[in-house]
Amino acid sequence: MKKYLIFIGSFILLYFVCQWLSGMLLTLQYDPETGGGAGSRPYQLLVLIGIATVSYFLSRLPDRKQGETYRAS
């Protein structure tokens, strides 16, 4: 249960950080003279996969600090 809470907590935190940073980046790059949108929908899945990957490795850190190794069950 502890690993799950660490994973979910780090996933939510990284998700909000990525959303905030991408919002800042898109705001800085906004040009009101151009008409269309960038269409960032296809990249959302890649961002979520990246966030989930980082969260997974962050949730595995306490095990490594205690000297335990991962055993597939």
PDB file of N, CA and C in Angstrom:
ATOM      1  N   MET A   1       0.819  -1.185   0.000  1.00  0.00           N
ATOM      2  CA  MET A   1       0.000   0.000   0.000  1.00  0.00           C
ATOM      3  C   MET A   1       0.868   1.256   0.000  1.00  0.00           C
ATOM      4  N   LYS A   2       2.010   1.181   0.703  1.00  0.00           N
ATOM      5  CA  LYS A   2       2.891   2.333   0.789  1.00  0.00           C
ATOM      6  C   LYS A   2       3.463   2.679  -0.594  1.00  0.00           C
ATOM      7  N   LYS A   3       3.827   1.653  -1.371  1.00  0.00           N
ATOM      8  CA  LYS A   3       4.368   1.889  -2.712  1.00  0.00           C
ATOM      9  C   LYS A   3       3.321   2.549  -3.605  1.00  0.00           C
ATOM     10  N   TYR A   4       2.080   2.097  -3.463  1.00  0.00           N
ATOM     11  CA  TYR A   4       0.997   2.667  -4.264  1.00  0.00           C
ATOM     12  C   TYR A   4       0.790   4.140  -3.925  1.00  0.00           C
ATOM     13  N   LEU A   5       0.797   4.468  -2.647  1.00  0.00           N
ATOM     14  CA  LEU A   5       0.603   5.869  -2.242  1.00  0.00           C
ATOM     15  C   LEU A   5       1.752   6.752  -2.723  1.00  0.00           C
ATOM     16  N   ILE A   6       2.973   6.238  -2.671  1.00  0.00           N
ATOM     17  CA  ILE A   6       4.114   6.996  -3.177  1.00  0.00           C
ATOM     18  C   ILE A   6       3.989   7.189  -4.681  1.00  0.00           C
ATOM     19  N   PHE A   7       3.589   6.137  -5.384  1.00  0.00           N
ATOM     20  CA  PHE A   7       3.422   6.230  -6.832  1.00  0.00           C
ATOM     21  C   PHE A   7       2.340   7.247  -7.188  1.00  0.00           C
ATOM     22  N   ILE A   8       1.173   7.145  -6.582  1.00  0.00           N
ATOM     23  CA  ILE A   8       0.071   8.053  -6.892  1.00  0.00           C
ATOM     24  C   ILE A   8       0.422   9.486  -6.507  1.00  0.00           C
ATOM     25  N   GLY A   9       1.038   9.665  -5.355  1.00  0.00           N
ATOM     26  CA  GLY A   9       1.421  11.009  -4.929  1.00  0.00           C
ATOM     27  C   GLY A   9       2.417  11.652  -5.878  1.00  0.00           C
ATOM     28  N   SER A  10       3.443  10.912  -6.260  1.00  0.00           N
ATOM     29  CA  SER A  10       4.432  11.476  -7.177  1.00  0.00           C
ATOM     30  C   SER A  10       3.842  11.671  -8.572  1.00  0.00           C
ATOM     31  N   PHE A  11       2.930  10.786  -8.991  1.00  0.00           N
ATOM     32  CA  PHE A  11       2.281  10.934 -10.289  1.00  0.00           C
ATOM     33  C   PHE A  11       1.451  12.214 -10.328  1.00  0.00           C
ATOM     34  N   ILE A  12       0.655  12.451  -9.294  1.00  0.00           N
ATOM     35  CA  ILE A  12      -0.181  13.650  -9.251  1.00  0.00           C
ATOM     36  C   ILE A  12       0.688  14.904  -9.208  1.00  0.00           C
ATOM     37  N   LEU A  13       1.721  14.891  -8.390  1.00  0.00           N
ATOM     38  CA  LEU A  13       2.599  16.054  -8.295  1.00  0.00           C
ATOM     39  C   LEU A  13       3.283  16.346  -9.629  1.00  0.00           C
ATOM     40  N   LEU A  14       3.842  15.315 -10.264  1.00  0.00           N
ATOM     41  CA  LEU A  14       4.507  15.513 -11.553  1.00  0.00           C
ATOM     42  C   LEU A  14       3.517  15.934 -12.634  1.00  0.00           C
ATOM     43  N   TYR A  15       2.290  15.425 -12.574  1.00  0.00           N
ATOM     44  CA  TYR A  15       1.274  15.807 -13.550  1.00  0.00           C
ATOM     45  C   TYR A  15       0.965  17.295 -13.448  1.00  0.00           C
ATOM     46  N   PHE A  16       0.763  17.791 -12.225  1.00  0.00           N
ATOM     47  CA  PHE A  16       0.462  19.210 -12.056  1.00  0.00           C
ATOM     48  C   PHE A  16       1.651  20.096 -12.426  1.00  0.00           C
ATOM     49  N   VAL A  17       2.862  19.653 -12.119  1.00  0.00           N
ATOM     50  CA  VAL A  17       4.050  20.419 -12.499  1.00  0.00           C
ATOM     51  C   VAL A  17       4.168  20.493 -14.023  1.00  0.00           C
ATOM     52  N   CYS A  18       3.952  19.365 -14.704  1.00  0.00           N
ATOM     53  CA  CYS A  18       4.017  19.362 -16.175  1.00  0.00           C
ATOM     54  C   CYS A  18       2.918  20.226 -16.783  1.00  0.00           C
ATOM     55  N   GLN A  19       1.727  20.179 -16.211  1.00  0.00           N
ATOM     56  CA  GLN A  19       0.636  21.012 -16.719  1.00  0.00           C
ATOM     57  C   GLN A  19       0.959  22.491 -16.538  1.00  0.00           C
ATOM     58  N   TRP A  20       1.509  22.839 -15.391  1.00  0.00           N
ATOM     59  CA  TRP A  20       1.842  24.227 -15.121  1.00  0.00           C
ATOM     60  C   TRP A  20       2.953  24.709 -16.063  1.00  0.00           C
ATOM     61  N   LEU A  21       3.998  23.884 -16.214  1.00  0.00           N
ATOM     62  CA  LEU A  21       5.103  24.269 -17.095  1.00  0.00           C
ATOM     63  C   LEU A  21       4.666  24.366 -18.553  1.00  0.00           C
ATOM     64  N   SER A  22       3.837  23.432 -19.001  1.00  0.00           N
ATOM     65  CA  SER A  22       3.379  23.503 -20.394  1.00  0.00           C
ATOM     66  C   SER A  22       2.464  24.699 -20.596  1.00  0.00           C
ATOM     67  N   GLY A  23       1.664  25.043 -19.594  1.00  0.00           N
ATOM     68  CA  GLY A  23       0.830  26.239 -19.682  1.00  0.00           C
ATOM     69  C   GLY A  23       1.667  27.500 -19.770  1.00  0.00           C
ATOM     70  N   MET A  24       2.717  27.555 -18.975  1.00  0.00           N
ATOM     71  CA  MET A  24       3.613  28.716 -19.026  1.00  0.00           C
ATOM     72  C   MET A  24       4.299  28.803 -20.384  1.00  0.00           C
ATOM     73  N   LEU A  25       4.763  27.663 -20.893  1.00  0.00           N
ATOM     74  CA  LEU A  25       5.441  27.634 -22.181  1.00  0.00           C
ATOM     75  C   LEU A  25       4.495  28.042 -23.309  1.00  0.00           C
ATOM     76  N   LEU A  26       3.289  27.497 -23.303  1.00  0.00           N
ATOM     77  CA  LEU A  26       2.323  27.856 -24.339  1.00  0.00           C
ATOM     78  C   LEU A  26       1.915  29.322 -24.257  1.00  0.00           C
ATOM     79  N   THR A  27       1.813  29.852 -23.051  1.00  0.00           N
ATOM     80  CA  THR A  27       1.477  31.265 -22.886  1.00  0.00           C
ATOM     81  C   THR A  27       2.594  32.154 -23.423  1.00  0.00           C
ATOM     82  N   LEU A  28       3.832  31.774 -23.164  1.00  0.00           N
ATOM     83  CA  LEU A  28       4.959  32.567 -23.655  1.00  0.00           C
ATOM     84  C   LEU A  28       5.066  32.523 -25.177  1.00  0.00           C
ATOM     85  N   GLN A  29       4.672  31.409 -25.777  1.00  0.00           N
ATOM     86  CA  GLN A  29       4.791  31.257 -27.219  1.00  0.00           C
ATOM     87  C   GLN A  29       3.547  31.712 -27.967  1.00  0.00           C
ATOM     88  N   TYR A  30       2.518  32.174 -27.272  1.00  0.00           N
ATOM     89  CA  TYR A  30       1.268  32.554 -27.915  1.00  0.00           C
ATOM     90  C   TYR A  30       1.474  33.774 -28.801  1.00  0.00           C
ATOM     91  N   ASP A  31       0.995  33.664 -30.019  1.00  0.00           N
ATOM     92  CA  ASP A  31       1.066  34.773 -30.967  1.00  0.00           C
ATOM     93  C   ASP A  31      -0.354  35.069 -31.444  1.00  0.00           C
ATOM     94  N   PRO A  32      -0.947  36.172 -31.003  1.00  0.00           N
ATOM     95  CA  PRO A  32      -2.339  36.451 -31.357  1.00  0.00           C
ATOM     96  C   PRO A  32      -2.543  36.723 -32.846  1.00  0.00           C
ATOM     97  N   GLU A  33      -1.486  36.958 -33.599  1.00  0.00           N
ATOM     98  CA  GLU A  33      -1.612  37.239 -35.022  1.00  0.00           C
ATOM     99  C   GLU A  33      -1.903  35.980 -35.840  1.00  0.00           C
ATOM    100  N   THR A  34      -1.460  34.835 -35.373  1.00  0.00           N
ATOM    101  CA  THR A  34      -1.707  33.600 -36.117  1.00  0.00           C
ATOM    102  C   THR A  34      -3.069  33.059 -35.732  1.00  0.00           C
ATOM    103  N   GLY A  35      -3.729  32.411 -36.664  1.00  0.00           N
ATOM    104  CA  GLY A  35      -5.101  31.991 -36.448  1.00  0.00           C
ATOM    105  C   GLY A  35      -5.281  30.664 -35.752  1.00  0.00           C
ATOM    106  N   GLY A  36      -4.678  29.603 -36.198  1.00  0.00           N
ATOM    107  CA  GLY A  36      -4.988  28.253 -35.716  1.00  0.00           C
ATOM    108  C   GLY A  36      -4.337  27.886 -34.411  1.00  0.00           C
ATOM    109  N   GLY A  37      -4.797  26.761 -33.862  1.00  0.00           N
ATOM    110  CA  GLY A  37      -4.209  26.230 -32.639  1.00  0.00           C
ATOM    111  C   GLY A  37      -3.135  25.213 -32.961  1.00  0.00           C
ATOM    112  N   ALA A  38      -2.349  24.892 -31.966  1.00  0.00           N
ATOM    113  CA  ALA A  38      -1.238  23.960 -32.180  1.00  0.00           C
ATOM    114  C   ALA A  38      -1.717  22.511 -32.210  1.00  0.00           C
ATOM    115  N   GLY A  39      -2.802  22.210 -31.528  1.00  0.00           N
ATOM    116  CA  GLY A  39      -3.310  20.839 -31.504  1.00  0.00           C
ATOM    117  C   GLY A  39      -2.409  19.901 -30.729  1.00  0.00           C
ATOM    118  N   SER A  40      -2.327  20.092 -29.434  1.00  0.00           N
ATOM    119  CA  SER A  40      -1.391  19.320 -28.606  1.00  0.00           C
ATOM    120  C   SER A  40      -1.976  17.999 -28.122  1.00  0.00           C
ATOM    121  N   ARG A  41      -3.119  17.573 -28.604  1.00  0.00           N
ATOM    122  CA  ARG A  41      -3.768  16.350 -28.138  1.00  0.00           C
ATOM    123  C   ARG A  41      -2.913  15.093 -28.305  1.00  0.00           C
ATOM    124  N   PRO A  42      -2.254  14.870 -29.423  1.00  0.00           N
ATOM    125  CA  PRO A  42      -1.473  13.625 -29.551  1.00  0.00           C
ATOM    126  C   PRO A  42      -0.329  13.528 -28.549  1.00  0.00           C
ATOM    127  N   TYR A  43       0.140  14.632 -28.039  1.00  0.00           N
ATOM    128  CA  TYR A  43       1.274  14.613 -27.125  1.00  0.00           C
ATOM    129  C   TYR A  43       0.853  14.349 -25.689  1.00  0.00           C
ATOM    130  N   GLN A  44      -0.427  14.443 -25.383  1.00  0.00           N
ATOM    131  CA  GLN A  44      -0.868  14.221 -24.008  1.00  0.00           C
ATOM    132  C   GLN A  44      -0.577  12.794 -23.545  1.00  0.00           C
ATOM    133  N   LEU A  45      -0.776  11.826 -24.414  1.00  0.00           N
ATOM    134  CA  LEU A  45      -0.495  10.435 -24.042  1.00  0.00           C
ATOM    135  C   LEU A  45       0.994  10.242 -23.764  1.00  0.00           C
ATOM    136  N   LEU A  46       1.842  10.839 -24.578  1.00  0.00           N
ATOM    137  CA  LEU A  46       3.287  10.724 -24.349  1.00  0.00           C
ATOM    138  C   LEU A  46       3.686  11.374 -23.033  1.00  0.00           C
ATOM    139  N   VAL A  47       3.078  12.509 -22.716  1.00  0.00           N
ATOM    140  CA  VAL A  47       3.375  13.185 -21.458  1.00  0.00           C
ATOM    141  C   VAL A  47       2.938  12.317 -20.284  1.00  0.00           C
ATOM    142  N   LEU A  48       1.744  11.727 -20.369  1.00  0.00           N
ATOM    143  CA  LEU A  48       1.265  10.868 -19.287  1.00  0.00           C
ATOM    144  C   LEU A  48       2.139   9.626 -19.113  1.00  0.00           C
ATOM    145  N   ILE A  49       2.597   9.054 -20.203  1.00  0.00           N
ATOM    146  CA  ILE A  49       3.483   7.890 -20.112  1.00  0.00           C
ATOM    147  C   ILE A  49       4.804   8.291 -19.456  1.00  0.00           C
ATOM    148  N   GLY A  50       5.332   9.444 -19.833  1.00  0.00           N
ATOM    149  CA  GLY A  50       6.569   9.924 -19.216  1.00  0.00           C
ATOM    150  C   GLY A  50       6.405  10.191 -17.733  1.00  0.00           C
ATOM    151  N   ILE A  51       5.288  10.810 -17.347  1.00  0.00           N
ATOM    152  CA  ILE A  51       5.027  11.089 -15.940  1.00  0.00           C
ATOM    153  C   ILE A  51       4.865   9.788 -15.157  1.00  0.00           C
ATOM    154  N   ALA A  52       4.154   8.833 -15.729  1.00  0.00           N
ATOM    155  CA  ALA A  52       3.965   7.543 -15.051  1.00  0.00           C
ATOM    156  C   ALA A  52       5.297   6.819 -14.874  1.00  0.00           C
ATOM    157  N   THR A  53       6.174   6.925 -15.867  1.00  0.00           N
ATOM    158  CA  THR A  53       7.482   6.274 -15.771  1.00  0.00           C
ATOM    159  C   THR A  53       8.322   6.883 -14.656  1.00  0.00           C
ATOM    160  N   VAL A  54       8.372   8.211 -14.604  1.00  0.00           N
ATOM    161  CA  VAL A  54       9.132   8.878 -13.546  1.00  0.00           C
ATOM    162  C   VAL A  54       8.528   8.558 -12.183  1.00  0.00           C
ATOM    163  N   SER A  55       7.198   8.548 -12.091  1.00  0.00           N
ATOM    164  CA  SER A  55       6.543   8.232 -10.824  1.00  0.00           C
ATOM    165  C   SER A  55       6.850   6.818 -10.374  1.00  0.00           C
ATOM    166  N   TYR A  56       6.899   5.886 -11.314  1.00  0.00           N
ATOM    167  CA  TYR A  56       7.219   4.499 -10.968  1.00  0.00           C
ATOM    168  C   TYR A  56       8.614   4.407 -10.361  1.00  0.00           C
ATOM    169  N   PHE A  57       9.579   5.058 -10.995  1.00  0.00           N
ATOM    170  CA  PHE A  57      10.940   4.982 -10.472  1.00  0.00           C
ATOM    171  C   PHE A  57      11.073   5.719  -9.144  1.00  0.00           C
ATOM    172  N   LEU A  58      10.315   6.797  -8.954  1.00  0.00           N
ATOM    173  CA  LEU A  58      10.327   7.472  -7.658  1.00  0.00           C
ATOM    174  C   LEU A  58       9.718   6.588  -6.576  1.00  0.00           C
ATOM    175  N   SER A  59       8.701   5.815  -6.928  1.00  0.00           N
ATOM    176  CA  SER A  59       8.102   4.936  -5.930  1.00  0.00           C
ATOM    177  C   SER A  59       9.013   3.760  -5.582  1.00  0.00           C
ATOM    178  N   ARG A  60       9.958   3.443  -6.438  1.00  0.00           N
ATOM    179  CA  ARG A  60      10.890   2.353  -6.181  1.00  0.00           C
ATOM    180  C   ARG A  60      12.095   2.822  -5.357  1.00  0.00           C
ATOM    181  N   LEU A  61      12.306   4.116  -5.190  1.00  0.00           N
ATOM    182  CA  LEU A  61      13.472   4.614  -4.459  1.00  0.00           C
ATOM    183  C   LEU A  61      13.550   4.142  -3.013  1.00  0.00           C
ATOM    184  N   PRO A  62      12.464   4.137  -2.235  1.00  0.00           N
ATOM    185  CA  PRO A  62      12.608   3.665  -0.844  1.00  0.00           C
ATOM    186  C   PRO A  62      13.113   2.229  -0.746  1.00  0.00           C
ATOM    187  N   ASP A  63      12.761   1.364  -1.688  1.00  0.00           N
ATOM    188  CA  ASP A  63      13.255  -0.009  -1.673  1.00  0.00           C
ATOM    189  C   ASP A  63      14.756  -0.056  -1.893  1.00  0.00           C
ATOM    190  N   ARG A  64      15.236   0.754  -2.789  1.00  0.00           N
ATOM    191  CA  ARG A  64      16.673   0.757  -3.087  1.00  0.00           C
ATOM    192  C   ARG A  64      17.469   1.280  -1.905  1.00  0.00           C
ATOM    193  N   LYS A  65      16.915   2.238  -1.173  1.00  0.00           N
ATOM    194  CA  LYS A  65      17.624   2.785  -0.020  1.00  0.00           C
ATOM    195  C   LYS A  65      17.734   1.770   1.102  1.00  0.00           C
ATOM    196  N   GLN A  66      16.769   0.862   1.188  1.00  0.00           N
ATOM    197  CA  GLN A  66      16.792  -0.152   2.237  1.00  0.00           C
ATOM    198  C   GLN A  66      17.595  -1.375   1.837  1.00  0.00           C
ATOM    199  N   GLY A  67      18.111  -1.403   0.628  1.00  0.00           N
ATOM    200  CA  GLY A  67      18.928  -2.513   0.171  1.00  0.00           C
ATOM    201  C   GLY A  67      18.148  -3.689  -0.354  1.00  0.00           C
ATOM    202  N   GLU A  68      16.841  -3.526  -0.524  1.00  0.00           N
ATOM    203  CA  GLU A  68      16.042  -4.621  -1.052  1.00  0.00           C
ATOM    204  C   GLU A  68      16.145  -4.652  -2.560  1.00  0.00           C
ATOM    205  N   THR A  69      16.029  -5.817  -3.131  1.00  0.00           N
ATOM    206  CA  THR A  69      16.011  -5.939  -4.583  1.00  0.00           C
ATOM    207  C   THR A  69      14.621  -6.319  -5.028  1.00  0.00           C
ATOM    208  N   TYR A  70      14.301  -5.973  -6.234  1.00  0.00           N
ATOM    209  CA  TYR A  70      12.981  -6.270  -6.792  1.00  0.00           C
ATOM    210  C   TYR A  70      12.894  -7.738  -7.136  1.00  0.00           C
ATOM    211  N   ARG A  71      11.838  -8.384  -6.667  1.00  0.00           N
ATOM    212  CA  ARG A  71      11.588  -9.777  -6.991  1.00  0.00           C
ATOM    213  C   ARG A  71      10.225  -9.885  -7.653  1.00  0.00           C
ATOM    214  N   ALA A  72      10.215 -10.369  -8.874  1.00  0.00           N
ATOM    215  CA  ALA A  72       8.948 -10.558  -9.578  1.00  0.00           C
ATOM    216  C   ALA A  72       8.200 -11.718  -8.959  1.00  0.00           C
ATOM    217  N   SER A  73       6.923 -11.517  -8.709  1.00  0.00           N
ATOM    218  CA  SER A  73       6.152 -12.601  -8.085  1.00  0.00           C
ATOM    219  C   SER A  73       5.180 -13.212  -9.058  1.00  0.00           C
TER     220      SER A  73
END
